[in-house]
Structure formats: C-alpha cells, structure tokens
N, C-alpha and C. Protein backbone atom coordinates (compact mmCIF):
# COMPACT_ATOMS: atom_id res chain seq x y z
N MET A 1 72.02 31.23 106.56
CA MET A 1 71.16 31.18 105.39
C MET A 1 69.66 31.57 106.14
N ASN A 2 69.08 32.40 105.15
CA ASN A 2 67.57 32.66 105.53
C ASN A 2 66.68 31.58 104.85
N ARG A 3 65.98 30.92 105.52
CA ARG A 3 65.36 30.01 105.05
C ARG A 3 63.83 30.56 104.84
N ILE A 4 63.62 31.39 104.87
CA ILE A 4 62.03 31.94 104.72
C ILE A 4 61.95 32.59 103.36
N LEU A 5 61.50 32.05 102.49
CA LEU A 5 61.14 32.73 101.09
C LEU A 5 60.22 33.72 101.04
N GLU A 6 60.26 35.05 101.64
CA GLU A 6 59.41 35.77 101.28
C GLU A 6 58.89 36.49 100.12
N ILE A 7 57.76 36.30 99.51
CA ILE A 7 57.14 36.67 98.51
C ILE A 7 57.16 38.15 98.63
N PRO A 8 57.44 38.63 97.56
CA PRO A 8 57.16 40.50 97.49
C PRO A 8 55.56 40.43 96.94
N PRO A 9 55.16 41.56 97.40
CA PRO A 9 53.50 41.80 97.18
C PRO A 9 53.50 41.66 95.72
N GLU A 10 54.11 41.80 94.93
CA GLU A 10 53.80 42.08 93.33
C GLU A 10 53.68 40.62 92.76
N LYS A 11 54.57 40.01 93.78
CA LYS A 11 54.46 38.41 93.14
C LYS A 11 53.51 37.25 93.58
N LEU A 12 52.81 37.92 94.52
CA LEU A 12 51.75 36.84 94.90
C LEU A 12 50.64 36.70 94.24
N THR A 13 50.28 35.64 94.29
CA THR A 13 49.05 35.14 93.45
C THR A 13 47.88 35.65 94.00
N ALA A 14 46.91 35.27 93.03
CA ALA A 14 45.33 36.23 93.55
C ALA A 14 45.19 35.95 94.82
N GLU A 15 45.26 34.15 95.10
CA GLU A 15 44.87 33.32 96.42
C GLU A 15 45.63 34.16 97.33
N GLN A 16 47.30 34.23 96.86
CA GLN A 16 47.99 34.55 98.27
C GLN A 16 47.70 35.87 98.39
N THR A 17 47.58 37.06 97.32
CA THR A 17 47.18 38.37 98.06
C THR A 17 45.89 38.22 99.05
N GLN A 18 44.95 37.66 98.63
CA GLN A 18 43.77 37.48 99.37
C GLN A 18 44.17 37.11 100.93
N VAL A 19 44.58 36.09 101.24
CA VAL A 19 45.09 35.51 102.47
C VAL A 19 46.07 36.52 103.06
N PHE A 20 46.90 37.42 102.46
CA PHE A 20 47.85 38.32 102.59
C PHE A 20 46.82 38.94 103.12
N GLU A 21 46.18 39.83 102.60
CA GLU A 21 45.42 40.82 103.05
C GLU A 21 44.50 40.72 104.14
N GLN A 22 43.75 39.39 104.47
CA GLN A 22 43.26 38.86 105.31
C GLN A 22 44.36 38.93 106.79
N LEU A 23 45.52 38.58 106.58
CA LEU A 23 46.13 38.59 107.57
C LEU A 23 46.57 39.78 108.05
N THR A 24 47.16 40.60 107.04
CA THR A 24 47.95 41.92 107.71
C THR A 24 46.22 42.70 108.11
N ALA A 25 45.07 42.52 107.75
CA ALA A 25 44.02 43.16 108.29
C ALA A 25 43.94 43.10 109.71
N GLY A 26 44.03 41.87 110.29
CA GLY A 26 43.88 41.41 111.55
C GLY A 26 45.59 41.73 112.16
N ARG A 27 46.39 41.33 111.91
CA ARG A 27 47.52 41.86 112.56
C ARG A 27 48.47 43.13 112.18
N GLY A 28 48.41 43.41 111.18
CA GLY A 28 49.26 44.45 110.54
C GLY A 28 50.41 43.99 109.92
N ARG A 29 50.42 42.92 109.94
CA ARG A 29 51.98 42.39 109.47
C ARG A 29 51.56 40.76 109.40
N ILE A 30 52.34 40.09 108.62
CA ILE A 30 52.58 38.78 108.57
C ILE A 30 53.48 38.02 109.55
N LEU A 31 53.32 37.51 110.48
CA LEU A 31 54.22 36.66 111.49
C LEU A 31 54.95 35.16 111.13
N GLY A 32 55.95 35.24 111.66
CA GLY A 32 56.77 34.18 110.94
C GLY A 32 56.16 32.85 110.55
N PRO A 33 55.00 32.27 111.09
CA PRO A 33 54.96 30.77 110.39
C PRO A 33 54.25 31.18 109.08
N TYR A 34 53.25 32.11 109.53
CA TYR A 34 52.50 32.75 108.30
C TYR A 34 53.08 32.76 106.89
N LYS A 35 54.36 33.37 107.03
CA LYS A 35 55.26 33.74 105.97
C LYS A 35 55.78 32.14 105.37
N VAL A 36 55.70 31.29 106.28
CA VAL A 36 56.09 29.97 105.44
C VAL A 36 54.67 29.33 105.04
N TRP A 37 53.35 29.42 105.52
CA TRP A 37 52.12 28.78 104.96
C TRP A 37 51.75 29.28 103.91
N ILE A 38 52.24 30.88 103.62
CA ILE A 38 51.63 31.52 102.39
C ILE A 38 51.75 31.33 101.06
N HIS A 39 52.75 30.10 101.09
CA HIS A 39 53.18 29.53 99.90
C HIS A 39 51.77 28.31 99.67
N SER A 40 51.14 28.20 100.68
CA SER A 40 49.93 27.11 100.24
C SER A 40 49.03 28.11 101.00
N PRO A 41 48.12 28.68 100.17
CA PRO A 41 47.15 30.03 100.87
C PRO A 41 46.08 29.22 101.41
N PRO A 42 45.76 27.79 100.96
CA PRO A 42 45.03 26.90 102.09
C PRO A 42 45.21 26.92 103.26
N VAL A 43 46.54 26.23 103.25
CA VAL A 43 46.85 25.98 104.72
C VAL A 43 47.36 27.54 105.46
N ALA A 44 47.46 28.41 105.30
CA ALA A 44 47.40 29.75 105.93
C ALA A 44 46.12 30.11 106.41
N ARG A 45 45.19 30.38 105.39
CA ARG A 45 44.02 30.25 105.40
C ARG A 45 43.54 29.60 106.65
N GLY A 46 43.52 28.13 106.57
CA GLY A 46 43.10 27.51 107.62
C GLY A 46 43.77 27.57 108.81
N MET A 47 45.03 27.81 108.84
CA MET A 47 45.87 27.90 110.19
C MET A 47 45.32 29.13 110.49
N GLU A 48 44.94 30.42 109.94
CA GLU A 48 44.31 31.22 110.77
C GLU A 48 43.24 31.31 111.49
N GLN A 49 42.40 30.74 110.53
CA GLN A 49 41.07 30.24 111.23
C GLN A 49 41.36 29.78 112.49
N ILE A 50 41.58 28.39 112.37
CA ILE A 50 42.15 27.83 113.51
C ILE A 50 42.76 28.57 114.89
N GLY A 51 44.01 29.27 114.51
CA GLY A 51 44.35 29.95 115.44
C GLY A 51 43.70 31.12 116.20
N THR A 52 42.78 31.89 115.48
CA THR A 52 41.72 32.84 115.92
C THR A 52 41.00 32.06 116.73
N PHE A 53 40.35 30.89 116.33
CA PHE A 53 39.48 30.10 117.08
C PHE A 53 40.34 29.75 118.49
N LEU A 54 41.13 29.09 118.38
CA LEU A 54 41.80 28.71 119.98
C LEU A 54 42.41 29.53 120.74
N ASN A 55 42.77 31.08 119.96
CA ASN A 55 43.37 32.06 120.78
C ASN A 55 42.14 32.96 121.58
N LYS A 56 41.04 32.96 120.85
CA LYS A 56 39.96 34.01 121.20
C LYS A 56 38.08 33.13 121.38
N ARG A 57 38.16 32.13 121.01
CA ARG A 57 36.69 31.57 121.14
C ARG A 57 36.52 30.03 121.53
N SER A 58 37.78 29.70 121.98
CA SER A 58 37.97 28.32 122.38
C SER A 58 37.31 27.95 124.01
N SER A 59 36.79 27.15 124.21
CA SER A 59 36.08 26.53 125.92
C SER A 59 37.32 26.82 126.60
N LEU A 60 38.41 26.73 126.38
CA LEU A 60 39.75 26.73 127.13
C LEU A 60 40.18 28.49 127.94
N SER A 61 40.39 28.39 128.88
CA SER A 61 40.67 29.65 129.14
C SER A 61 42.13 30.10 128.55
N LYS A 62 42.50 31.32 128.84
CA LYS A 62 44.07 32.28 127.97
C LYS A 62 44.76 31.39 128.79
N ARG A 63 44.91 30.86 129.99
CA ARG A 63 45.79 30.48 130.88
C ARG A 63 45.88 28.93 130.44
N GLU A 64 44.71 28.33 130.36
CA GLU A 64 45.15 27.10 129.63
C GLU A 64 45.56 26.46 128.20
N VAL A 65 45.31 27.65 127.40
CA VAL A 65 45.82 27.89 126.04
C VAL A 65 47.29 27.63 126.10
N GLU A 66 47.96 28.66 127.37
CA GLU A 66 49.24 28.89 127.29
C GLU A 66 49.92 27.60 128.05
N ILE A 67 49.35 27.12 128.55
CA ILE A 67 49.74 25.93 129.61
C ILE A 67 50.21 25.00 128.17
N VAL A 68 49.21 24.66 127.31
CA VAL A 68 49.44 23.63 126.18
C VAL A 68 50.80 24.38 125.28
N ILE A 69 50.55 25.39 124.98
CA ILE A 69 51.75 26.16 124.31
C ILE A 69 52.99 26.06 125.09
N LEU A 70 52.99 25.89 126.05
CA LEU A 70 54.15 25.99 127.13
C LEU A 70 54.47 24.12 127.14
N VAL A 71 53.60 23.71 126.91
CA VAL A 71 53.93 21.92 126.99
C VAL A 71 54.76 21.50 125.55
N ILE A 72 54.34 22.26 124.29
CA ILE A 72 54.71 22.42 123.41
C ILE A 72 56.25 23.08 122.90
N ALA A 73 56.26 24.27 123.62
CA ALA A 73 57.48 24.82 123.38
C ALA A 73 58.77 24.33 124.46
N GLN A 74 58.02 23.53 125.50
CA GLN A 74 59.24 23.16 126.91
C GLN A 74 59.87 24.61 127.25
N ALA A 75 59.21 25.79 127.68
CA ALA A 75 59.97 26.78 127.82
C ALA A 75 60.07 27.08 129.20
N ILE A 76 59.11 26.10 130.24
CA ILE A 76 59.52 26.67 131.74
C ILE A 76 60.33 25.61 132.17
N ASP A 77 61.20 25.85 133.14
CA ASP A 77 61.88 24.87 134.38
C ASP A 77 61.33 23.44 134.29
N VAL A 78 60.04 23.87 135.00
CA VAL A 78 59.26 22.43 135.67
C VAL A 78 59.09 21.60 134.57
N ILE A 79 58.39 22.11 133.64
CA ILE A 79 58.47 21.32 132.29
C ILE A 79 59.51 20.75 131.67
N LEU A 80 60.18 21.38 131.69
CA LEU A 80 61.54 20.75 131.13
C LEU A 80 62.06 19.77 131.82
N ALA A 81 62.01 20.00 133.09
CA ALA A 81 62.40 18.91 134.07
C ALA A 81 61.55 17.76 134.38
N GLY A 82 60.63 17.93 133.96
CA GLY A 82 59.70 16.73 133.48
C GLY A 82 58.90 16.66 134.49
N GLY A 83 58.95 17.63 135.41
CA GLY A 83 57.92 17.79 136.49
C GLY A 83 56.34 18.37 136.24
N VAL A 84 55.65 18.18 137.47
CA VAL A 84 54.50 18.91 136.88
C VAL A 84 53.83 20.14 137.78
N PRO A 85 53.54 21.24 136.71
CA PRO A 85 53.56 22.72 137.63
C PRO A 85 52.29 22.33 138.41
N GLU A 86 52.46 23.33 139.73
CA GLU A 86 51.49 23.40 140.83
C GLU A 86 50.41 24.16 139.85
N LEU A 87 49.36 23.35 139.75
CA LEU A 87 48.13 24.16 139.32
C LEU A 87 46.88 23.92 140.37
N ALA A 88 46.46 24.94 140.78
CA ALA A 88 45.15 24.82 141.60
C ALA A 88 43.98 24.40 141.10
N ASP A 89 43.52 24.75 139.91
CA ASP A 89 42.56 24.58 139.17
C ASP A 89 42.69 23.23 138.60
N ALA A 90 41.59 22.56 139.03
CA ALA A 90 41.46 21.05 138.19
C ALA A 90 41.23 21.10 136.90
N HIS A 91 40.66 21.89 136.10
CA HIS A 91 40.49 22.03 134.63
C HIS A 91 42.09 22.50 134.17
N GLU A 92 42.53 23.13 134.71
CA GLU A 92 44.17 23.40 134.18
C GLU A 92 44.99 22.19 134.25
N ARG A 93 44.71 21.50 135.39
CA ARG A 93 45.39 20.21 135.76
C ARG A 93 45.05 19.18 134.75
N ALA A 94 43.95 19.36 134.16
CA ALA A 94 43.46 18.08 133.16
C ALA A 94 44.30 18.52 132.01
N VAL A 95 44.08 19.92 131.69
CA VAL A 95 44.93 20.17 130.49
C VAL A 95 45.82 20.02 130.04
N HIS A 96 47.19 20.33 131.38
CA HIS A 96 48.05 19.87 131.12
C HIS A 96 48.66 18.48 131.24
N ARG A 97 48.06 17.65 132.15
CA ARG A 97 48.08 16.17 132.13
C ARG A 97 47.82 15.56 131.00
N PHE A 98 46.74 15.88 130.33
CA PHE A 98 46.48 15.73 128.74
C PHE A 98 47.52 15.73 127.75
N ALA A 99 47.83 17.05 127.70
CA ALA A 99 48.70 17.69 126.55
C ALA A 99 50.19 16.93 127.17
N ALA A 100 50.68 16.96 128.29
CA ALA A 100 52.02 16.02 128.59
C ALA A 100 52.13 14.70 128.42
N ALA A 101 50.84 13.97 128.59
CA ALA A 101 50.77 13.07 128.21
C ALA A 101 50.85 12.41 126.98
N LEU A 102 50.32 13.41 125.72
CA LEU A 102 50.19 13.37 124.21
C LEU A 102 51.62 13.66 123.73
N VAL A 103 52.16 14.71 124.45
CA VAL A 103 53.48 15.00 124.09
C VAL A 103 54.61 13.78 124.65
N ALA A 104 54.27 13.51 125.48
CA ALA A 104 55.49 12.46 125.83
C ALA A 104 55.21 11.13 125.15
N GLY A 105 54.16 10.89 124.32
CA GLY A 105 54.02 9.58 124.05
C GLY A 105 53.33 8.57 124.73
N THR A 106 52.70 9.08 126.06
CA THR A 106 52.19 8.43 126.95
C THR A 106 50.67 7.38 126.33
N LYS A 107 50.47 6.41 126.40
CA LYS A 107 49.32 5.81 126.16
C LYS A 107 48.29 6.15 127.64
N LEU A 108 47.19 6.99 127.41
CA LEU A 108 46.28 6.83 128.65
C LEU A 108 45.56 5.65 128.68
N SER A 109 45.40 5.68 130.06
CA SER A 109 44.50 4.01 130.45
C SER A 109 43.35 4.70 130.01
N ASP A 110 42.29 3.65 130.05
CA ASP A 110 40.61 4.05 130.11
C ASP A 110 40.28 4.78 131.20
N ALA A 111 41.15 4.67 132.60
CA ALA A 111 40.83 5.40 133.83
C ALA A 111 41.20 7.01 133.70
N ASP A 112 42.30 6.92 133.18
CA ASP A 112 42.97 8.32 133.14
C ASP A 112 42.08 9.14 132.06
N PHE A 113 41.89 8.75 130.71
CA PHE A 113 41.11 9.15 130.06
C PHE A 113 39.70 9.71 130.48
N ALA A 114 39.12 8.83 131.29
CA ALA A 114 37.55 9.02 131.68
C ALA A 114 37.83 10.61 132.54
N GLU A 115 39.21 10.50 133.81
CA GLU A 115 39.34 11.60 134.40
C GLU A 115 39.24 12.74 133.42
N ILE A 116 40.34 12.65 132.63
CA ILE A 116 40.59 14.21 131.78
C ILE A 116 39.25 14.07 130.91
N GLU A 117 38.31 13.41 130.32
CA GLU A 117 36.72 13.45 129.96
C GLU A 117 36.28 14.08 130.71
N ALA A 118 36.06 13.93 132.12
CA ALA A 118 35.05 14.28 133.01
C ALA A 118 35.77 15.69 133.33
N ALA A 119 36.65 16.30 133.40
CA ALA A 119 37.22 17.81 133.47
C ALA A 119 37.26 18.45 132.47
N LEU A 120 37.28 17.92 131.16
CA LEU A 120 37.48 18.66 129.93
C LEU A 120 36.05 18.73 129.26
N GLY A 121 35.51 17.62 129.33
CA GLY A 121 34.59 17.40 128.36
C GLY A 121 34.86 16.89 127.00
N ARG A 122 34.17 16.31 125.92
CA ARG A 122 34.87 16.11 124.51
C ARG A 122 35.30 17.26 123.84
N ASN A 123 34.62 18.46 123.87
CA ASN A 123 34.94 19.55 123.12
C ASN A 123 36.15 19.99 123.55
N GLY A 124 36.27 19.99 125.13
CA GLY A 124 37.73 20.30 125.38
C GLY A 124 38.90 19.55 125.31
N ILE A 125 38.41 18.07 124.99
CA ILE A 125 39.89 17.35 124.51
C ILE A 125 39.96 17.54 123.12
N ALA A 126 38.95 17.88 122.28
CA ALA A 126 39.00 18.09 120.98
C ALA A 126 39.89 19.62 120.86
N GLU A 127 39.35 20.22 121.40
CA GLU A 127 40.35 21.76 121.58
C GLU A 127 42.07 21.45 121.92
N VAL A 128 41.95 20.65 122.85
CA VAL A 128 43.52 20.31 123.48
C VAL A 128 44.46 19.65 122.32
N LEU A 129 43.60 18.54 121.82
CA LEU A 129 44.34 18.23 120.56
C LEU A 129 44.48 19.17 119.54
N VAL A 130 43.60 19.78 118.77
CA VAL A 130 44.04 20.91 117.66
C VAL A 130 45.12 21.86 118.29
N LEU A 131 44.86 22.26 119.61
CA LEU A 131 45.63 23.21 120.20
C LEU A 131 47.15 22.54 119.66
N LEU A 132 47.24 21.20 120.54
CA LEU A 132 48.67 20.80 120.16
C LEU A 132 49.12 20.54 118.86
N GLY A 133 48.36 20.23 118.12
CA GLY A 133 48.92 20.44 116.51
C GLY A 133 49.12 21.59 115.96
N TYR A 134 48.29 22.61 116.22
CA TYR A 134 48.47 23.90 115.72
C TYR A 134 50.10 24.20 116.25
N TYR A 135 50.02 24.56 117.36
CA TYR A 135 51.24 25.03 118.21
C TYR A 135 52.67 23.90 117.58
N THR A 136 52.56 22.87 117.70
CA THR A 136 53.46 22.00 117.10
C THR A 136 53.80 22.75 115.68
N SER A 137 52.74 22.78 114.97
CA SER A 137 53.21 23.20 113.29
C SER A 137 53.78 24.51 113.82
N VAL A 138 53.16 25.54 114.08
CA VAL A 138 53.60 27.07 114.50
C VAL A 138 55.36 26.51 115.05
N ALA A 139 55.44 25.50 116.02
CA ALA A 139 56.99 25.42 116.51
C ALA A 139 57.90 24.91 115.32
N LEU A 140 57.31 23.86 114.51
CA LEU A 140 57.98 23.22 113.69
C LEU A 140 58.53 24.05 112.39
N ALA A 141 57.49 25.11 112.28
CA ALA A 141 57.73 25.97 110.90
C ALA A 141 58.77 26.56 111.48
N MET A 142 58.87 27.16 112.39
CA MET A 142 59.51 28.59 113.22
C MET A 142 61.06 27.75 113.32
N LYS A 143 61.15 26.42 113.79
CA LYS A 143 62.25 25.80 113.87
C LYS A 143 62.99 25.40 112.32
N VAL A 144 62.34 24.87 111.79
CA VAL A 144 62.56 24.66 110.41
C VAL A 144 63.26 25.85 109.13
N HIS A 145 62.51 26.94 109.58
CA HIS A 145 62.85 28.00 108.62
C HIS A 145 63.54 28.96 109.77
N GLU A 146 64.02 28.57 110.58
CA GLU A 146 65.04 29.40 111.50
C GLU A 146 64.42 31.20 112.08
N VAL A 147 63.19 30.94 112.06
CA VAL A 147 62.50 32.45 112.55
C VAL A 147 63.10 32.62 113.58
N PRO A 148 63.58 33.84 113.94
CA PRO A 148 64.33 34.34 115.09
C PRO A 148 63.00 34.59 115.78
N ILE A 149 63.42 34.21 117.25
CA ILE A 149 62.13 34.42 118.15
C ILE A 149 62.37 35.77 119.06
N PRO A 150 61.25 36.48 118.39
CA PRO A 150 61.66 38.17 119.51
C PRO A 150 61.97 38.04 120.75
N PRO A 151 62.68 39.45 121.28
CA PRO A 151 63.12 39.46 122.72
C PRO A 151 61.67 39.42 123.51
N GLN A 152 61.84 38.98 124.80
CA GLN A 152 60.49 39.41 125.73
C GLN A 152 60.45 40.49 126.31
N ARG A 153 59.23 41.21 126.11
CA ARG A 153 59.05 42.73 126.85
C ARG A 153 59.02 42.58 128.21
C-alpha cells in the first residue's frame, strides 16, 4: 500500500500551491517527506526553512551535519555497533558525542555538558538539537509512509 497521499496540482489549496511552488523552485520537485508535510502547509514551509538553514547556513560543517544525520539514520557500522567513530577534529567529536548521547537517551552530566558547550558553543548546541529533531522527523515520515530510499550513486 502506498501511504503517501499525493495531492494532484489542481486539488492543492491556495496555501499548498504556494508551498508547492516554493519547494519545486528550489528543488525541481517535492522530495519524500515534503509529500507528507504538504498536507500541512505551515509545517512544510517551516521544515523547508529549517532544512535549508541547517544544510546551508548552519555554523556546523557539512561533515558535522552528516554525522548527526548518520546518528539518526544509524547508517554506518561503527555507529550501529555502538562504537565511536574515529574523528580527528574535536568539534566533530563533540557533535557526535552530543548527538549520540541524546539519541541513546543518556543524561549528560554537568561536566559532559560543559565540555560539549566549550567545543560547540550555545549556537552549536541549539543547531545539533534542531538538526536531530529535523532529521528524526524526516526519518519518521519516510518510515511511516514507506518512502523508498533511492539507490546510492
């Protein structure tokens, strides 16, 4: 059963049409999770703004964004096995440590939090939190609606 309820363009509300046009202008098409979120235009619009910020303007490097995504997706063996990847960069290690602790439900001690804060700053902490939430929503939307994952190129 295809759980994604795609709305034909002629059946979009005015607000959905506006979001649809905004999404397709930047991407050329609507990607999986947005097919779910378009049913609530304010959610789709907000997730687009958050996603664009996190992927293009965040203080986190592209590599750090990918680390957080991989923690959420659990897509590499070392993270699946519960190990810690070898990251030479202290900032990347802090991003991974923070994201992995949050995903595992680990309560950070004050000392651990202080170390992470020293490495990431408050803006980095806020961005990792929102990045985790954003990609958790992406992963859940794709899982619930059985969105096929495109093959790797």
